[in-house]
Structure formats: C-alpha cells, structure tokens
C-alpha atoms as a PDB file:
ATOM      1  CA  MET A   1       0.059  -9.853  61.268  1.00  0.00           C
ATOM      2  CA  THR A   2       2.435  -7.525  59.499  1.00  0.00           C
ATOM      3  CA  TYR A   3       5.779  -6.539  60.939  1.00  0.00           C
ATOM      4  CA  THR A   4       7.802  -3.413  60.335  1.00  0.00           C
ATOM      5  CA  LYS A   5      11.383  -3.787  59.137  1.00  0.00           C
ATOM      6  CA  ALA A   6      12.808  -3.239  62.638  1.00  0.00           C
ATOM      7  CA  GLN A   7      10.506  -5.864  64.167  1.00  0.00           C
ATOM      8  CA  THR A   8      11.362  -8.507  61.565  1.00  0.00           C
ATOM      9  CA  THR A   9      15.096  -7.959  62.057  1.00  0.00           C
ATOM     10  CA  ARG A  10      14.625  -8.162  65.823  1.00  0.00           C
ATOM     11  CA  VAL A  11      12.638 -11.399  65.517  1.00  0.00           C
ATOM     12  CA  SER A  12      15.095 -12.949  63.077  1.00  0.00           C
ATOM     13  CA  ARG A  13      17.999 -11.872  65.284  1.00  0.00           C
ATOM     14  CA  TYR A  14      16.286 -13.445  68.300  1.00  0.00           C
ATOM     15  CA  LYS A  15      15.708 -16.663  66.363  1.00  0.00           C
ATOM     16  CA  TYR A  16      19.328 -16.634  65.189  1.00  0.00           C
ATOM     17  CA  ILE A  17      20.654 -16.111  68.715  1.00  0.00           C
ATOM     18  CA  ARG A  18      18.369 -18.825  70.087  1.00  0.00           C
ATOM     19  CA  HIS A  19      19.517 -21.171  67.315  1.00  0.00           C
ATOM     20  CA  ARG A  20      23.163 -20.403  68.138  1.00  0.00           C
ATOM     21  CA  ILE A  21      22.583 -21.026  71.862  1.00  0.00           C
ATOM     22  CA  ILE A  22      20.865 -24.361  71.168  1.00  0.00           C
ATOM     23  CA  LEU A  23      23.701 -25.429  68.852  1.00  0.00           C
ATOM     24  CA  PHE A  24      26.272 -24.349  71.450  1.00  0.00           C
ATOM     25  CA  LEU A  25      24.497 -26.314  74.185  1.00  0.00           C
ATOM     26  CA  ILE A  26      24.238 -29.409  71.987  1.00  0.00           C
ATOM     27  CA  ALA A  27      27.945 -29.181  71.083  1.00  0.00           C
ATOM     28  CA  HIS A  28      28.903 -28.597  74.719  1.00  0.00           C
ATOM     29  CA  PHE A  29      26.736 -31.480  75.930  1.00  0.00           C
ATOM     30  CA  ASN A  30      28.182 -33.726  73.250  1.00  0.00           C
ATOM     31  CA  HIS A  31      31.707 -32.777  74.336  1.00  0.00           C
ATOM     32  CA  LEU A  32      30.885 -33.476  77.987  1.00  0.00           C
ATOM     33  CA  LEU A  33      29.299 -36.791  77.045  1.00  0.00           C
ATOM     34  CA  ASN A  34      32.368 -37.801  75.031  1.00  0.00           C
ATOM     35  CA  THR A  35      34.683 -36.858  77.903  1.00  0.00           C
ATOM     36  CA  TYR A  36      32.523 -38.795  80.352  1.00  0.00           C
ATOM     37  CA  MET A  37      32.430 -41.839  78.071  1.00  0.00           C
ATOM     38  CA  CYS A  38      36.221 -41.748  77.669  1.00  0.00           C
ATOM     39  CA  LEU A  39      36.687 -41.618  81.443  1.00  0.00           C
ATOM     40  CA  TYR A  40      34.170 -44.415  81.896  1.00  0.00           C
ATOM     41  CA  LEU A  41      35.947 -46.602  79.346  1.00  0.00           C
ATOM     42  CA  ILE A  42      39.327 -45.936  80.955  1.00  0.00           C
ATOM     43  CA  ILE A  43      37.940 -46.834  84.394  1.00  0.00           C
ATOM     44  CA  LEU A  44      36.313 -49.950  82.931  1.00  0.00           C
ATOM     45  CA  VAL A  45      39.574 -51.086  81.315  1.00  0.00           C
ATOM     46  CA  ILE A  46      41.513 -50.515  84.545  1.00  0.00           C
ATOM     47  CA  HIS A  47      38.831 -52.376  86.478  1.00  0.00           C
ATOM     48  CA  ILE A  48      38.899 -55.346  84.085  1.00  0.00           C
ATOM     49  CA  GLN A  49      42.711 -55.424  84.199  1.00  0.00           C
ATOM     50  CA  SER A  50      42.670 -55.443  88.002  1.00  0.00           C
ATOM     51  CA  ILE A  51      40.094 -58.278  88.009  1.00  0.00           C
ATOM     52  CA  ILE A  52      42.216 -60.303  85.578  1.00  0.00           C
ATOM     53  CA  SER A  53      45.381 -59.694  87.604  1.00  0.00           C
ATOM     54  CA  ASN A  54      43.558 -60.630  90.814  1.00  0.00           C
ATOM     55  CA  LYS A  55      42.390 -63.918  89.280  1.00  0.00           C
ATOM     56  CA  PHE A  56      45.926 -64.544  88.028  1.00  0.00           C
ATOM     57  CA  ILE A  57      47.355 -63.924  91.524  1.00  0.00           C
ATOM     58  CA  LEU A  58      44.721 -66.197  93.067  1.00  0.00           C
ATOM     59  CA  LYS A  59      45.579 -68.953  90.599  1.00  0.00           C
ATOM     60  CA  LYS A  60      49.265 -68.569  91.433  1.00  0.00           C
ATOM     61  CA  GLU A  61      48.535 -68.821  95.150  1.00  0.00           C
ATOM     62  CA  LEU A  62      46.447 -71.952  94.642  1.00  0.00           C
END
C-alpha cells in the first residue's frame, strides 16, 4: 500500500494526536490517583489518631 503525501501526513497527524490524548489521559489519571492516595492517607492518619486517642481515653477512665 502506497500513500500520497497528504495521506501520510494525515495518518501521522492522527497517530500524533492519539498519542497526545493517551499521554494526557495517563497523566490525568496519575494525578487523580495521587490526589486520591493523598486523601486516603490523610483519612487513615486521622482514623488511627482517633483510635489511639479513644484507647487513651478508655485507659484513663479505667
């Protein structure tokens, strides 16, 4: 299969755009994942702190 100059530029442009979209999606997903992980870690730390403080309060009451 031989392409004319216009067809090859169109195909390469399509591949370039698709490549850019995939990279953008990966970067965006990575950013969302990082944000989610940060929130999860913060919630986990708060949760652990509340558990520790609850145990401390229970020990004081006993």
